[in-house]
């Protein structure tokens, strides 16, 4: 399967730079696979579109302010650090943590280089000091961070860090992105990117869905930098997806298993959730087992879905692994036709854009 099979034309003005307000006012293209039919609705219409008994599975990961802006020591030159994964305690250095990170300018920051990161008002409030410990693959570094005041690194990151908006959002982050680039059910801190399909849900909408008999359960997948990783190979099957940490508690595994036994639809909110579902294993009874670990599952056309009965998702970049997942579920030709229809109808694309329901 060639990468060019996942192309579509998108005018630059269709890339959303800001989210719809309110959240559930975003447009929703409903694609019904069996009928090969589409309809144009809004996210607020979901209670009338889904069925009582459907089980929504959401990703409750929480985005943290993983982008640090600072200066090199002693030269004072600008430096940027994007934290990835989770910090690890440093033996013999209480409060210090080691992180995997992308650092810019990487070529000038060799092991032993020092940095300092402060808030917008330098000299006031928390600061983080950093040191490059090692070079790794693809420009990544291992970085040691510490707060000279002795406070937790996580607190300083939350105070001075910036929301790591995707590269196609052509503006600096703003204070309101801290709340808006976050789902209303976000709980488990650890992502550098939001599971964007969930950004459309409000507490009121979730309550309306529950009143209609639509159930909900949570899983966790911490979205890493790999979510932006372009597919650079011509042959799709040769691509690999960077592993990301996930967790499915016993209660969620039981809820999904029960829905499957009873023939009710399991609907993933987002491609990250779909990847978690397709990474699960069944026990001797046939029910799904709780799980915690990493998944590097890459889903593209030809994948046989075991659990998914529906998918709520945003519109994804051409040639991206996320678009390939949606094509695997809805059919490549049909999904790309729906994308072309969305472009013609003026839908807004990517992280802060509109949404699609494939059932």
Protein backbone atom coordinates (compact mmCIF):
# COMPACT_ATOMS: atom_id res chain seq x y z
CA UNK A 1 0.00 0.00 0.00
CA UNK A 2 1.52 3.29 -1.14
CA UNK A 3 1.62 6.45 0.96
CA UNK A 4 0.15 8.47 -1.91
CA UNK A 5 -3.13 6.57 -1.45
CA UNK A 6 -3.80 8.71 1.64
CA UNK A 7 -3.60 12.14 0.04
CA UNK A 8 -6.31 14.79 -0.18
CA UNK A 9 -6.29 18.50 -1.00
CA UNK A 10 -6.82 20.91 1.90
CA UNK A 11 -6.77 24.69 1.53
CA UNK A 12 -4.65 26.28 4.25
CA UNK A 13 -7.57 28.41 5.46
CA UNK A 14 -9.41 25.22 6.48
CA UNK A 15 -6.83 24.51 9.23
CA UNK A 16 -8.43 25.68 12.48
CA UNK A 17 -6.29 28.07 14.51
CA UNK A 18 -8.80 28.41 17.36
CA UNK A 19 -11.48 26.07 18.72
CA UNK A 20 -15.22 26.40 18.22
CA UNK A 21 -17.08 28.02 21.08
CA UNK A 22 -18.93 26.56 22.82
CA UNK A 23 -17.24 23.19 22.52
CA UNK A 24 -20.31 21.29 21.33
CA UNK A 25 -21.06 23.81 18.57
CA UNK A 26 -18.42 22.13 16.38
CA UNK A 27 -19.76 20.60 13.20
CA UNK A 28 -20.08 16.83 12.91
CA UNK A 29 -19.96 14.88 9.66
CA UNK A 30 -21.75 11.57 10.25
CA UNK A 31 -20.59 8.79 7.95
CA UNK A 32 -22.68 5.61 8.01
CA UNK A 33 -20.55 2.86 6.54
CA UNK A 34 -23.27 0.28 5.78
CA UNK A 35 -25.40 2.80 3.87
CA UNK A 36 -22.38 4.63 2.41
CA UNK A 37 -24.16 7.83 3.41
CA UNK A 38 -23.14 11.07 5.07
CA UNK A 39 -25.07 13.78 6.88
CA UNK A 40 -24.07 17.13 8.34
CA UNK A 41 -24.86 17.73 12.00
CA UNK A 42 -23.22 19.26 15.08
CA UNK A 43 -21.63 17.66 18.10
CA UNK A 44 -24.61 18.82 20.18
CA UNK A 45 -26.79 16.45 18.10
CA UNK A 46 -24.98 13.34 19.39
CA UNK A 47 -27.67 12.38 21.96
CA UNK A 48 -30.13 11.96 19.10
CA UNK A 49 -27.65 10.16 16.84
CA UNK A 50 -26.24 7.54 19.21
CA UNK A 51 -28.32 4.68 20.59
CA UNK A 52 -29.27 3.91 24.15
CA UNK A 53 -26.89 1.18 25.27
CA UNK A 54 -23.95 2.45 23.22
CA UNK A 55 -20.75 2.57 25.25
CA UNK A 56 -18.55 5.61 24.74
CA UNK A 57 -14.92 4.93 25.60
CA UNK A 58 -12.88 8.09 26.23
CA UNK A 59 -9.20 8.79 26.84
CA UNK A 60 -8.85 10.58 30.19
CA UNK A 61 -5.21 11.62 29.74
CA UNK A 62 -4.32 15.16 30.76
CA UNK A 63 -2.04 17.45 28.72
CA UNK A 64 0.71 19.16 30.68
CA UNK A 65 2.64 22.33 29.79
CA UNK A 66 5.50 20.36 28.28
CA UNK A 67 7.12 23.15 26.23
CA UNK A 68 9.81 25.03 28.15
CA UNK A 69 11.35 28.25 26.82
CA UNK A 70 14.58 29.52 28.34
CA UNK A 71 18.20 30.48 27.81
CA UNK A 72 21.55 28.79 27.73
CA UNK A 73 24.04 29.29 30.55
CA UNK A 74 26.26 31.28 30.38
CA UNK A 75 25.77 32.54 26.79
CA UNK A 76 22.14 33.59 27.23
CA UNK A 77 21.12 32.23 23.82
CA UNK A 78 17.52 31.09 23.42
CA UNK A 79 16.70 27.44 24.03
CA UNK A 80 13.51 25.40 23.75
CA UNK A 81 12.82 22.05 25.38
CA UNK A 82 9.83 19.80 24.69
CA UNK A 83 9.44 17.23 27.44
CA UNK A 84 8.29 13.75 26.47
CA UNK A 85 6.99 10.88 28.55
CA UNK A 86 7.35 11.21 32.30
CA UNK A 87 10.21 12.32 34.53
CA UNK A 88 12.35 9.85 36.46
CA UNK A 89 13.86 10.47 39.89
CA UNK A 90 17.64 10.97 40.00
CA UNK A 91 19.45 8.83 42.56
CA UNK A 92 21.17 10.94 45.21
CA UNK A 93 19.55 14.20 44.06
CA UNK A 94 16.26 14.73 45.88
CA UNK A 95 13.79 16.63 43.70
CA UNK A 96 15.81 16.30 40.48
CA UNK A 97 14.34 14.41 37.53
CA UNK A 98 15.61 13.00 34.25
CA UNK A 99 13.45 13.51 31.15
CA UNK A 100 13.50 12.52 27.51
CA UNK A 101 13.18 15.70 25.48
CA UNK A 102 13.51 17.39 22.13
CA UNK A 103 15.84 20.35 22.51
CA UNK A 104 16.44 23.27 20.13
CA UNK A 105 19.03 24.22 18.99
CA UNK A 106 20.07 20.60 19.39
CA UNK A 107 23.40 20.80 17.58
CA UNK A 108 24.67 23.46 19.98
CA UNK A 109 23.56 21.69 23.13
CA UNK A 110 25.95 18.87 23.84
CA UNK A 111 26.20 16.77 27.02
CA UNK A 112 27.13 19.05 29.91
CA UNK A 113 25.36 22.12 28.46
CA UNK A 114 23.34 24.06 31.04
CA UNK A 115 19.99 25.87 30.67
CA UNK A 116 17.57 27.84 32.78
CA UNK A 117 13.82 28.15 32.21
CA UNK A 118 11.73 30.89 33.81
CA UNK A 119 8.22 32.27 33.57
CA UNK A 120 7.13 35.25 31.50
CA UNK A 121 8.26 37.58 34.31
CA UNK A 122 11.90 36.54 34.61
CA UNK A 123 13.31 36.68 38.09
CA UNK A 124 9.88 36.30 39.67
CA UNK A 125 8.25 33.00 40.49
CA UNK A 126 9.57 29.47 39.93
CA UNK A 127 12.46 28.57 37.67
CA UNK A 128 13.91 25.31 36.41
CA UNK A 129 17.54 24.57 35.79
CA UNK A 130 18.56 21.94 33.27
CA UNK A 131 21.57 20.02 32.02
CA UNK A 132 21.98 17.91 28.88
CA UNK A 133 23.04 14.43 30.01
CA UNK A 134 23.13 12.48 26.75
CA UNK A 135 22.33 12.56 23.06
CA UNK A 136 19.79 10.08 21.73
CA UNK A 137 18.25 9.24 18.36
CA UNK A 138 16.46 11.70 16.06
CA UNK A 139 17.65 14.80 17.92
CA UNK A 140 16.37 13.70 21.29
CA UNK A 141 18.26 14.32 24.51
CA UNK A 142 18.23 13.08 28.07
CA UNK A 143 17.88 16.14 30.29
CA UNK A 144 18.24 16.59 34.04
CA UNK A 145 15.87 19.18 35.54
CA UNK A 146 15.74 20.62 39.04
CA UNK A 147 14.16 23.54 40.88
CA UNK A 148 16.89 25.32 42.86
CA UNK A 149 14.33 26.25 45.52
CA UNK A 150 13.81 22.54 46.21
CA UNK A 151 10.23 22.35 44.93
CA UNK A 152 8.83 19.55 42.74
CA UNK A 153 9.83 19.72 39.10
CA UNK A 154 6.21 19.05 38.06
CA UNK A 155 5.00 22.16 39.90
CA UNK A 156 7.57 24.36 38.18
CA UNK A 157 6.73 22.84 34.76
CA UNK A 158 3.03 23.54 35.33
CA UNK A 159 3.79 27.12 36.37
CA UNK A 160 6.20 28.18 33.63
CA UNK A 161 5.63 25.72 30.78
CA UNK A 162 3.71 26.41 27.59
CA UNK A 163 0.94 24.32 26.06
CA UNK A 164 2.59 22.34 23.23
CA UNK A 165 0.14 23.25 20.46
CA UNK A 166 0.60 21.26 17.23
CA UNK A 167 2.97 22.75 14.65
CA UNK A 168 0.16 23.52 12.19
CA UNK A 169 -1.41 25.98 14.65
CA UNK A 170 0.43 29.06 13.48
CA UNK A 171 0.35 31.17 16.64
CA UNK A 172 1.82 31.24 20.13
CA UNK A 173 -0.09 29.52 22.90
CA UNK A 174 -2.34 31.70 25.05
CA UNK A 175 -3.39 31.32 28.69
CA UNK A 176 -6.85 30.07 27.67
CA UNK A 177 -5.26 27.18 25.72
CA UNK A 178 -4.43 25.60 29.09
CA UNK A 179 -8.13 24.94 29.61
CA UNK A 180 -9.32 24.66 26.02
CA UNK A 181 -6.65 22.24 24.82
CA UNK A 182 -7.90 19.81 27.44
CA UNK A 183 -10.93 17.53 27.65
CA UNK A 184 -13.46 18.19 30.41
CA UNK A 185 -12.81 14.67 31.75
CA UNK A 186 -8.98 14.88 31.68
CA UNK A 187 -7.54 13.26 34.80
CA UNK A 188 -4.23 11.41 34.30
CA UNK A 189 -1.38 13.87 33.67
CA UNK A 190 1.07 12.78 30.99
CA UNK A 191 0.30 13.90 27.41
CA UNK A 192 2.06 16.41 25.17
CA UNK A 193 -0.97 16.53 22.85
CA UNK A 194 -4.69 16.38 23.52
CA UNK A 195 -6.88 13.49 22.36
CA UNK A 196 -8.64 16.05 20.21
CA UNK A 197 -11.93 14.28 19.48
CA UNK A 198 -12.72 14.64 23.17
CA UNK A 199 -12.29 18.42 23.09
CA UNK A 200 -15.85 18.77 21.74
CA UNK A 201 -17.59 17.26 24.77
CA UNK A 202 -19.09 19.36 27.57
CA UNK A 203 -20.39 18.28 30.96
CA UNK A 204 -23.90 19.14 29.76
CA UNK A 205 -23.53 17.03 26.62
CA UNK A 206 -22.20 14.09 28.62
CA UNK A 207 -25.18 14.38 30.98
CA UNK A 208 -27.60 14.43 28.03
CA UNK A 209 -25.96 11.34 26.56
CA UNK A 210 -26.23 9.54 29.90
CA UNK A 211 -29.92 10.50 30.13
CA UNK A 212 -30.46 8.85 26.73
CA UNK A 213 -28.87 5.63 27.99
CA UNK A 214 -25.45 6.12 26.39
CA UNK A 215 -22.87 4.76 28.83
CA UNK A 216 -19.27 5.91 29.27
CA UNK A 217 -16.04 4.41 30.54
CA UNK A 218 -12.44 5.67 30.65
CA UNK A 219 -9.10 4.38 29.44
CA UNK A 220 -5.77 6.23 29.41
CA UNK A 221 -3.24 6.67 26.64
CA UNK A 222 -0.58 9.33 27.13
CA UNK A 223 -0.16 10.98 23.76
CA UNK A 224 3.51 11.43 22.92
CA UNK A 225 5.45 13.43 20.35
CA UNK A 226 5.07 10.46 18.01
CA UNK A 227 1.50 11.56 17.32
CA UNK A 228 3.05 14.24 15.05
CA UNK A 229 5.57 11.82 13.54
CA UNK A 230 5.19 11.95 9.75
CA UNK A 231 5.06 8.77 7.70
CA UNK A 232 8.32 9.00 5.75
CA UNK A 233 8.25 5.62 3.99
CA UNK A 234 6.64 5.04 0.60
CA UNK A 235 5.28 1.65 1.60
CA UNK A 236 2.77 2.16 4.41
CA UNK A 237 3.45 -1.24 5.95
CA UNK A 238 7.04 -0.19 6.67
CA UNK A 239 6.02 2.64 9.02
CA UNK A 240 6.34 2.26 12.80
CA UNK A 241 4.48 4.12 15.55
CA UNK A 242 6.37 5.22 18.66
CA UNK A 243 5.22 3.32 21.78
CA UNK A 244 2.96 5.25 24.18
CA UNK A 245 1.96 4.38 27.73
CA UNK A 246 -1.61 3.24 28.35
CA UNK A 247 -3.78 1.85 31.14
CA UNK A 248 -7.16 0.11 31.20
CA UNK A 249 -8.50 -0.43 34.73
CA UNK A 250 -10.56 -3.46 35.69
CA UNK A 251 -13.85 -1.54 35.76
CA UNK A 252 -13.32 -0.29 32.20
CA UNK A 253 -12.31 -3.72 30.90
CA UNK A 254 -15.46 -5.17 32.51
CA UNK A 255 -17.71 -2.48 31.00
CA UNK A 256 -16.30 -3.01 27.50
CA UNK A 257 -16.56 -6.79 27.83
CA UNK A 258 -20.19 -6.54 28.99
CA UNK A 259 -21.11 -4.30 26.04
CA UNK A 260 -19.48 -6.74 23.65
CA UNK A 261 -21.28 -9.75 25.15
CA UNK A 262 -24.61 -7.94 24.91
CA UNK A 263 -24.09 -6.88 21.32
CA UNK A 264 -23.98 -3.15 22.13
CA UNK A 265 -21.78 -0.79 20.17
CA UNK A 266 -18.43 0.22 21.62
CA UNK A 267 -17.68 3.71 20.30
CA UNK A 268 -14.19 5.12 20.70
CA UNK A 269 -13.82 8.86 21.20
CA UNK A 270 -10.61 9.47 19.31
CA UNK A 271 -7.96 7.45 17.51
CA UNK A 272 -5.92 7.17 20.72
CA UNK A 273 -8.82 5.36 22.37
CA UNK A 274 -9.24 3.12 19.33
CA UNK A 275 -5.57 2.14 19.56
CA UNK A 276 -5.97 1.22 23.22
CA UNK A 277 -9.02 -0.92 22.50
CA UNK A 278 -7.27 -2.78 19.71
CA UNK A 279 -4.26 -3.42 21.97
CA UNK A 280 -6.26 -5.34 24.60
CA UNK A 281 -6.16 -9.09 25.14
CA UNK A 282 -8.89 -11.46 26.26
CA UNK A 283 -8.59 -13.87 29.17
CA UNK A 284 -9.66 -17.54 29.30
CA UNK A 285 -13.32 -16.50 29.75
CA UNK A 286 -13.22 -14.38 26.63
CA UNK A 287 -13.55 -11.15 28.59
CA UNK A 288 -10.99 -8.40 28.21
CA UNK A 289 -8.22 -8.22 30.75
CA UNK A 290 -7.17 -5.02 32.53
CA UNK A 291 -3.85 -3.81 31.20
CA UNK A 292 -1.06 -1.34 31.79
CA UNK A 293 1.99 -0.90 29.59
CA UNK A 294 2.94 0.54 26.21
CA UNK A 295 1.43 0.12 22.78
CA UNK A 296 2.99 0.80 19.41
CA UNK A 297 0.06 -0.62 17.44
CA UNK A 298 -0.17 0.80 13.92
CA UNK A 299 -3.63 0.45 12.39
CA UNK A 300 -4.04 0.82 8.64
CA UNK A 301 -6.40 -0.67 6.01
CA UNK A 302 -6.53 -4.43 6.29
CA UNK A 303 -6.69 -4.36 10.10
CA UNK A 304 -9.48 -6.55 11.51
CA UNK A 305 -11.22 -4.63 14.30
CA UNK A 306 -12.29 -6.73 17.27
CA UNK A 307 -14.11 -4.21 19.44
CA UNK A 308 -14.87 -1.02 17.59
CA UNK A 309 -18.48 -0.30 16.61
CA UNK A 310 -18.03 3.41 16.02
CA UNK A 311 -15.46 6.18 16.07
CA UNK A 312 -15.68 9.88 16.93
CA UNK A 313 -12.64 11.60 15.46
CA UNK A 314 -11.33 14.90 14.18
CA UNK A 315 -10.11 15.37 10.60
CA UNK A 316 -6.46 14.33 10.25
CA UNK A 317 -3.46 15.33 8.15
CA UNK A 318 -2.93 13.79 4.71
CA UNK A 319 -0.56 10.81 4.74
CA UNK A 320 -0.78 10.54 8.55
CA UNK A 321 -1.04 7.32 10.54
CA UNK A 322 -4.21 8.70 12.17
CA UNK A 323 -5.91 9.12 8.80
CA UNK A 324 -4.89 5.56 7.97
CA UNK A 325 -6.61 4.32 11.13
CA UNK A 326 -9.86 6.07 10.17
CA UNK A 327 -9.59 4.64 6.66
CA UNK A 328 -9.06 1.18 8.12
CA UNK A 329 -12.33 1.48 10.01
CA UNK A 330 -14.52 3.30 7.50
CA UNK A 331 -12.94 2.22 4.21
CA UNK A 332 -10.28 4.26 2.43
CA UNK A 333 -12.33 5.36 -0.57
CA UNK A 334 -15.37 6.23 1.53
CA UNK A 335 -13.42 8.14 4.17
CA UNK A 336 -11.46 10.15 1.62
CA UNK A 337 -14.71 10.94 -0.20
CA UNK A 338 -16.15 12.16 3.11
CA UNK A 339 -13.02 14.30 3.65
CA UNK A 340 -13.47 15.88 0.21
CA UNK A 341 -17.11 16.56 1.07
CA UNK A 342 -16.05 18.15 4.36
CA UNK A 343 -13.55 20.39 2.56
CA UNK A 344 -16.22 21.49 0.07
CA UNK A 345 -18.68 22.16 2.90
CA UNK A 346 -16.22 24.39 4.77
CA UNK A 347 -15.45 22.16 7.74
CA UNK A 348 -12.53 23.16 9.96
CA UNK A 349 -9.67 20.64 10.13
CA UNK A 350 -7.14 19.22 12.61
CA UNK A 351 -6.82 19.59 16.39
CA UNK A 352 -9.07 22.61 16.97
CA UNK A 353 -11.34 21.74 14.05
CA UNK A 354 -14.65 19.95 13.53
CA UNK A 355 -15.38 16.26 13.95
CA UNK A 356 -16.54 13.12 12.19
CA UNK A 357 -18.56 10.15 13.45
CA UNK A 358 -17.99 6.88 11.61
CA UNK A 359 -20.57 4.17 12.44
